Amino acid sequence: MVQPIMRDVFFLSQKSEPATRDDLQVGRDLMDTLRAHREECVGMAANMIGVKKNIIIVNMGFLDIVMFNPVVKSRKKAYKTEEGCLSLVGVRPCTRYEEIELEYYDFNWKKQRQKFTGWTAQICQHELDHLQGIII
């Protein structure tokens, strides 16, 4: 189900809690909500739809991947950039890494480990910041 976008900075600045198998519907809601905002958004975190759980979705160009309890295992090659956010107005400076490796659970609650580079890595890091209550 498409959910409204959370814009309350106080809510967005709170850390999320671990997801469980009971939160699979939140992943489906993220898929529907990202699809509805495809023209202006390439990723989302659960808190962007009002749920404080460690769940993100990232558009990989041809595919959207939902990650439950994602954890950064490695990062390489820091760089400075600016980003905007569907939940906020304007752009802000931030530091990102060109290459990251994440471990997460998929919809089958199977642990996955995947490397991301470039634009996809940047999207992942933006959404991971949301889970920590970090607002760019």
C-alpha atoms as a PDB file:
ATOM      1  CA  MET A   1       0.000   0.000   0.000  1.00  0.00           C
ATOM      2  CA  VAL A   2       1.270   3.476  -0.859  1.00  0.00           C
ATOM      3  CA  GLN A   3       2.001   5.342   2.376  1.00  0.00           C
ATOM      4  CA  PRO A   4       2.277   9.118   2.986  1.00  0.00           C
ATOM      5  CA  ILE A   5       5.799  10.571   3.170  1.00  0.00           C
ATOM      6  CA  MET A   6       6.931  11.536   6.690  1.00  0.00           C
ATOM      7  CA  ARG A   7       8.289  15.084   6.882  1.00  0.00           C
ATOM      8  CA  ASP A   8       8.481  15.496  10.680  1.00  0.00           C
ATOM      9  CA  VAL A   9      12.184  16.172  11.366  1.00  0.00           C
ATOM     10  CA  PHE A  10      11.849  15.124  15.025  1.00  0.00           C
ATOM     11  CA  PHE A  11      10.505  11.701  13.992  1.00  0.00           C
ATOM     12  CA  LEU A  12      13.090  11.325  11.207  1.00  0.00           C
ATOM     13  CA  SER A  13      15.941  12.132  13.627  1.00  0.00           C
ATOM     14  CA  GLN A  14      15.165   9.092  15.824  1.00  0.00           C
ATOM     15  CA  LYS A  15      17.051   5.816  15.407  1.00  0.00           C
ATOM     16  CA  SER A  16      15.139   2.875  13.988  1.00  0.00           C
ATOM     17  CA  GLU A  17      14.734  -0.502  15.656  1.00  0.00           C
ATOM     18  CA  PRO A  18      15.644  -3.947  14.267  1.00  0.00           C
ATOM     19  CA  ALA A  19      13.123  -5.409  11.839  1.00  0.00           C
ATOM     20  CA  THR A  20      11.618  -8.869  12.253  1.00  0.00           C
ATOM     21  CA  ARG A  21       9.777 -11.236   9.926  1.00  0.00           C
ATOM     22  CA  ASP A  22       6.595  -9.571  11.172  1.00  0.00           C
ATOM     23  CA  ASP A  23       7.714  -6.434   9.286  1.00  0.00           C
ATOM     24  CA  LEU A  24       7.633  -7.926   5.776  1.00  0.00           C
ATOM     25  CA  GLN A  25       4.537  -5.839   4.964  1.00  0.00           C
ATOM     26  CA  VAL A  26       6.558  -2.683   5.649  1.00  0.00           C
ATOM     27  CA  GLY A  27       8.924  -3.824   2.878  1.00  0.00           C
ATOM     28  CA  ARG A  28       5.981  -4.254   0.501  1.00  0.00           C
ATOM     29  CA  ASP A  29       4.662  -0.802   1.487  1.00  0.00           C
ATOM     30  CA  LEU A  30       8.096   0.662   0.711  1.00  0.00           C
ATOM     31  CA  MET A  31       7.983  -0.975  -2.734  1.00  0.00           C
ATOM     32  CA  ASP A  32       4.545   0.504  -3.468  1.00  0.00           C
ATOM     33  CA  THR A  33       5.467   3.948  -2.109  1.00  0.00           C
ATOM     34  CA  LEU A  34       8.749   4.111  -4.039  1.00  0.00           C
ATOM     35  CA  ARG A  35       6.910   3.099  -7.213  1.00  0.00           C
ATOM     36  CA  ALA A  36       4.433   5.942  -6.627  1.00  0.00           C
ATOM     37  CA  HIS A  37       7.328   8.442  -6.264  1.00  0.00           C
ATOM     38  CA  ARG A  38       9.571   6.982  -8.991  1.00  0.00           C
ATOM     39  CA  GLU A  39      10.054  10.320 -10.774  1.00  0.00           C
ATOM     40  CA  GLU A  40      11.507  12.111  -7.723  1.00  0.00           C
ATOM     41  CA  CYS A  41      12.940   9.310  -5.573  1.00  0.00           C
ATOM     42  CA  VAL A  42      15.445   6.421  -5.930  1.00  0.00           C
ATOM     43  CA  GLY A  43      15.371   4.965  -2.420  1.00  0.00           C
ATOM     44  CA  MET A  44      13.515   5.065   0.871  1.00  0.00           C
ATOM     45  CA  ALA A  45      13.864   4.063   4.496  1.00  0.00           C
ATOM     46  CA  ALA A  46      10.950   2.805   6.584  1.00  0.00           C
ATOM     47  CA  ASN A  47      10.959   5.936   8.744  1.00  0.00           C
ATOM     48  CA  MET A  48      10.124   7.929   5.609  1.00  0.00           C
ATOM     49  CA  ILE A  49       6.721   6.204   5.692  1.00  0.00           C
ATOM     50  CA  GLY A  50       6.338   6.558   9.462  1.00  0.00           C
ATOM     51  CA  VAL A  51       7.785   3.213  10.608  1.00  0.00           C
ATOM     52  CA  LYS A  52      10.892   3.178  12.847  1.00  0.00           C
ATOM     53  CA  LYS A  53      12.295  -0.137  11.608  1.00  0.00           C
ATOM     54  CA  ASN A  54      15.637  -0.986   9.977  1.00  0.00           C
ATOM     55  CA  ILE A  55      14.292  -1.462   6.470  1.00  0.00           C
ATOM     56  CA  ILE A  56      15.357   0.285   3.268  1.00  0.00           C
ATOM     57  CA  ILE A  57      14.588   0.015  -0.432  1.00  0.00           C
ATOM     58  CA  VAL A  58      17.073   0.974  -3.148  1.00  0.00           C
ATOM     59  CA  ASN A  59      16.442   1.337  -6.861  1.00  0.00           C
ATOM     60  CA  MET A  60      19.136  -0.464  -8.865  1.00  0.00           C
ATOM     61  CA  GLY A  61      18.001   0.943 -12.209  1.00  0.00           C
ATOM     62  CA  PHE A  62      15.995  -2.068 -13.356  1.00  0.00           C
ATOM     63  CA  LEU A  63      15.152  -3.516  -9.959  1.00  0.00           C
ATOM     64  CA  ASP A  64      14.179  -2.352  -6.472  1.00  0.00           C
ATOM     65  CA  ILE A  65      15.844  -4.215  -3.590  1.00  0.00           C
ATOM     66  CA  VAL A  66      14.353  -4.232  -0.105  1.00  0.00           C
ATOM     67  CA  MET A  67      16.865  -4.805   2.701  1.00  0.00           C
ATOM     68  CA  PHE A  68      15.898  -5.754   6.239  1.00  0.00           C
ATOM     69  CA  ASN A  69      18.434  -4.885   8.977  1.00  0.00           C
ATOM     70  CA  PRO A  70      21.186  -3.774   6.564  1.00  0.00           C
ATOM     71  CA  VAL A  71      24.683  -3.443   8.046  1.00  0.00           C
ATOM     72  CA  VAL A  72      27.752  -1.908   6.402  1.00  0.00           C
ATOM     73  CA  LYS A  73      30.619  -4.425   6.356  1.00  0.00           C
ATOM     74  CA  SER A  74      33.138  -2.309   4.442  1.00  0.00           C
ATOM     75  CA  ARG A  75      33.515   1.098   2.791  1.00  0.00           C
ATOM     76  CA  LYS A  76      36.189   2.483   0.502  1.00  0.00           C
ATOM     77  CA  LYS A  77      37.108   5.737  -1.232  1.00  0.00           C
ATOM     78  CA  ALA A  78      35.395   8.606   0.595  1.00  0.00           C
ATOM     79  CA  TYR A  79      34.183  11.615  -1.377  1.00  0.00           C
ATOM     80  CA  LYS A  80      32.145  14.781  -0.765  1.00  0.00           C
ATOM     81  CA  THR A  81      28.812  15.361  -2.479  1.00  0.00           C
ATOM     82  CA  GLU A  82      25.395  16.980  -2.030  1.00  0.00           C
ATOM     83  CA  GLU A  83      22.064  15.205  -1.713  1.00  0.00           C
ATOM     84  CA  GLY A  84      18.389  15.974  -1.521  1.00  0.00           C
ATOM     85  CA  CYS A  85      15.653  13.953   0.161  1.00  0.00           C
ATOM     86  CA  LEU A  86      11.966  13.414  -0.518  1.00  0.00           C
ATOM     87  CA  SER A  87      11.297  14.098   3.188  1.00  0.00           C
ATOM     88  CA  LEU A  88      13.213  17.396   3.226  1.00  0.00           C
ATOM     89  CA  VAL A  89      13.502  20.611   1.228  1.00  0.00           C
ATOM     90  CA  GLY A  90      16.753  21.493  -0.558  1.00  0.00           C
ATOM     91  CA  VAL A  91      20.148  19.789  -0.781  1.00  0.00           C
ATOM     92  CA  ARG A  92      22.835  19.344   1.850  1.00  0.00           C
ATOM     93  CA  PRO A  93      26.540  18.411   1.796  1.00  0.00           C
ATOM     94  CA  CYS A  94      27.605  14.949   2.950  1.00  0.00           C
ATOM     95  CA  THR A  95      30.442  12.430   2.759  1.00  0.00           C
ATOM     96  CA  ARG A  96      29.860   9.146   0.946  1.00  0.00           C
ATOM     97  CA  TYR A  97      31.982   6.169  -0.095  1.00  0.00           C
ATOM     98  CA  GLU A  98      32.435   4.981  -3.674  1.00  0.00           C
ATOM     99  CA  GLU A  99      32.324   1.295  -2.690  1.00  0.00           C
ATOM    100  CA  ILE A 100      30.432  -0.383   0.147  1.00  0.00           C
ATOM    101  CA  GLU A 101      29.562  -3.913   1.127  1.00  0.00           C
ATOM    102  CA  LEU A 102      26.308  -4.621   2.964  1.00  0.00           C
ATOM    103  CA  GLU A 103      24.869  -7.572   4.793  1.00  0.00           C
ATOM    104  CA  TYR A 104      21.080  -7.742   5.058  1.00  0.00           C
ATOM    105  CA  TYR A 105      18.057 -10.037   5.100  1.00  0.00           C
ATOM    106  CA  ASP A 106      15.830 -10.430   2.043  1.00  0.00           C
ATOM    107  CA  PHE A 107      12.064 -11.114   1.910  1.00  0.00           C
ATOM    108  CA  ASN A 108      12.713 -14.829   2.553  1.00  0.00           C
ATOM    109  CA  TRP A 109      14.675 -13.821   5.668  1.00  0.00           C
ATOM    110  CA  LYS A 110      17.808 -15.213   4.042  1.00  0.00           C
ATOM    111  CA  LYS A 111      21.019 -13.358   4.850  1.00  0.00           C
ATOM    112  CA  GLN A 112      22.587 -11.671   1.815  1.00  0.00           C
ATOM    113  CA  ARG A 113      25.953  -9.986   1.343  1.00  0.00           C
ATOM    114  CA  GLN A 114      26.381  -7.640  -1.594  1.00  0.00           C
ATOM    115  CA  LYS A 115      28.817  -5.012  -2.875  1.00  0.00           C
ATOM    116  CA  PHE A 116      27.571  -1.711  -4.265  1.00  0.00           C
ATOM    117  CA  THR A 117      29.473   0.982  -6.145  1.00  0.00           C
ATOM    118  CA  GLY A 118      28.873   4.468  -7.494  1.00  0.00           C
ATOM    119  CA  TRP A 119      25.353   5.849  -7.544  1.00  0.00           C
ATOM    120  CA  THR A 120      23.785   2.718  -6.021  1.00  0.00           C
ATOM    121  CA  ALA A 121      26.262   2.813  -3.121  1.00  0.00           C
ATOM    122  CA  GLN A 122      25.390   6.472  -2.554  1.00  0.00           C
ATOM    123  CA  ILE A 123      21.655   5.717  -2.421  1.00  0.00           C
ATOM    124  CA  CYS A 124      22.263   2.888   0.065  1.00  0.00           C
ATOM    125  CA  GLN A 125      24.306   5.161   2.328  1.00  0.00           C
ATOM    126  CA  HIS A 126      21.646   7.887   2.258  1.00  0.00           C
ATOM    127  CA  GLU A 127      18.969   5.397   3.313  1.00  0.00           C
ATOM    128  CA  LEU A 128      21.240   3.834   5.957  1.00  0.00           C
ATOM    129  CA  ASP A 129      21.697   7.312   7.457  1.00  0.00           C
ATOM    130  CA  HIS A 130      17.908   7.536   7.812  1.00  0.00           C
ATOM    131  CA  LEU A 131      17.947   4.381   9.949  1.00  0.00           C
ATOM    132  CA  GLN A 132      20.406   6.054  12.325  1.00  0.00           C
ATOM    133  CA  GLY A 133      18.337   9.238  12.536  1.00  0.00           C
ATOM    134  CA  ILE A 134      20.930  11.139  10.510  1.00  0.00           C
ATOM    135  CA  ILE A 135      19.349  13.854   8.413  1.00  0.00           C
ATOM    136  CA  ILE A 136      21.530  15.114   5.612  1.00  0.00           C
END
